[in-house]
Amino acid sequence: MCGLCGALAGSDHWSDAAVTAGGTRDQRRQLRNRVAGAVLAHYGLRLREAAGGSPVLQSATGQTALVPHLGALWPAAERLAKRPVDPLDPDLIAALRGRGAKAGV
């Protein structure tokens, strides 16, 4: 999908629903992207925002995928990483715990 189509497609995913608690919609999206970014880094991937606010997933080799919502992120991550992205992977959990300890969390 081209960038313009991705921007026009909107964000009709349940994870983007506006709720009253927990900060603004933008703050929740930023937090969600930081957490997803920490998981994706374990697989050699990076999540960044493109113009228009749509997240772009990027591999270490420069491959990219526009991800219009959180539901599209994980299949794209598996495609770019060329392996399963498992949130219950013991190595991932250990890496995330190590990051939290370094950050003083």
Protein backbone atom coordinates (compact mmCIF):
# COMPACT_ATOMS: atom_id res chain seq x y z
CA MET A 1 0.00 0.00 0.00
CA CYS A 2 1.38 3.44 -0.84
CA GLY A 3 1.74 6.12 1.82
CA LEU A 4 -1.22 8.13 0.59
CA CYS A 5 -3.52 5.13 0.55
CA GLY A 6 -2.37 4.22 4.04
CA ALA A 7 -3.10 7.74 5.30
CA LEU A 8 -6.53 7.73 3.71
CA ALA A 9 -7.40 4.23 4.95
CA GLY A 10 -7.85 5.47 8.50
CA SER A 11 -7.32 3.62 11.74
CA ASP A 12 -10.40 1.48 12.15
CA HIS A 13 -8.99 -0.97 14.65
CA TRP A 14 -10.28 -1.65 18.15
CA SER A 15 -6.93 -0.64 19.67
CA ASP A 16 -7.39 2.89 18.32
CA ALA A 17 -10.79 3.40 19.99
CA ALA A 18 -11.06 6.56 22.08
CA VAL A 19 -11.63 5.98 25.78
CA THR A 20 -11.78 8.53 28.55
CA ALA A 21 -9.23 7.10 31.01
CA GLY A 22 -5.48 6.88 30.59
CA GLY A 23 -4.52 10.10 28.84
CA THR A 24 -5.30 11.44 25.42
CA ARG A 25 -5.67 9.22 22.39
CA ASP A 26 -2.32 10.52 21.12
CA GLN A 27 -0.58 9.73 24.43
CA ARG A 28 -2.01 6.20 24.42
CA ARG A 29 -0.86 5.69 20.83
CA GLN A 30 2.65 6.89 21.68
CA LEU A 31 2.83 4.55 24.69
CA ARG A 32 1.54 1.63 22.61
CA ASN A 33 4.17 2.38 19.94
CA ARG A 34 6.97 2.54 22.55
CA VAL A 35 5.97 -0.84 23.99
CA ALA A 36 5.62 -2.38 20.52
CA GLY A 37 8.97 -0.84 19.59
CA ALA A 38 10.65 -2.56 22.54
CA VAL A 39 9.23 -5.92 21.42
CA LEU A 40 10.12 -5.31 17.77
CA ALA A 41 13.71 -4.33 18.60
CA HIS A 42 14.27 -7.88 19.84
CA TYR A 43 13.54 -9.06 16.29
CA GLY A 44 15.78 -6.47 14.63
CA LEU A 45 12.88 -4.22 13.63
CA ARG A 46 12.13 -0.56 14.26
CA LEU A 47 8.79 1.25 14.41
CA ARG A 48 8.72 4.92 13.43
CA GLU A 49 6.03 7.42 12.51
CA ALA A 50 5.76 8.57 8.93
CA ALA A 51 4.20 11.81 7.77
CA GLY A 52 0.50 11.67 8.52
CA GLY A 53 0.99 9.67 11.72
CA SER A 54 0.89 6.16 10.22
CA PRO A 55 3.53 3.90 11.75
CA VAL A 56 6.17 2.45 9.44
CA LEU A 57 7.95 -0.77 10.30
CA GLN A 58 11.56 -1.04 9.17
CA SER A 59 13.98 -3.95 9.13
CA ALA A 60 17.74 -3.77 9.65
CA THR A 61 18.14 -4.31 5.89
CA GLY A 62 15.93 -1.32 5.04
CA GLN A 63 12.75 -3.15 4.11
CA THR A 64 9.67 -1.23 5.19
CA ALA A 65 5.96 -1.82 5.69
CA LEU A 66 3.26 0.75 6.38
CA VAL A 67 1.11 -0.45 9.27
CA PRO A 68 -2.20 1.43 9.40
CA HIS A 69 -3.18 -0.08 12.79
CA LEU A 70 -1.92 -2.41 15.50
CA GLY A 71 -3.63 -5.42 13.94
CA ALA A 72 -1.49 -5.06 10.81
CA LEU A 73 1.75 -4.65 12.77
CA TRP A 74 2.41 -8.23 13.83
CA PRO A 75 1.91 -9.95 10.45
CA ALA A 76 4.13 -7.28 8.87
CA ALA A 77 6.75 -7.83 11.59
CA GLU A 78 6.83 -11.56 10.89
CA ARG A 79 7.19 -10.89 7.16
CA LEU A 80 10.10 -8.48 7.64
CA ALA A 81 11.80 -10.50 10.40
CA LYS A 82 11.36 -13.68 8.36
CA ARG A 83 10.47 -15.57 11.53
CA PRO A 84 7.60 -15.79 14.01
CA VAL A 85 7.21 -12.84 16.39
CA ASP A 86 6.19 -14.47 19.64
CA PRO A 87 5.33 -12.24 22.62
CA LEU A 88 5.80 -15.25 24.92
CA ASP A 89 9.31 -16.06 23.65
CA PRO A 90 11.44 -16.58 26.81
CA ASP A 91 14.39 -14.76 25.20
CA LEU A 92 12.16 -11.76 24.44
CA ILE A 93 10.79 -11.68 28.00
CA ALA A 94 14.32 -11.84 29.43
CA ALA A 95 15.44 -9.03 27.12
CA LEU A 96 12.48 -6.86 28.11
CA ARG A 97 13.14 -7.51 31.80
CA GLY A 98 16.76 -6.52 31.26
CA ARG A 99 15.71 -3.29 29.57
CA GLY A 100 13.39 -2.49 32.49
CA ALA A 101 16.16 -3.09 35.01
CA LYS A 102 18.53 -0.83 33.08
CA ALA A 103 15.90 1.88 32.87
CA GLY A 104 15.21 1.64 36.60
CA VAL A 105 11.68 0.31 36.14
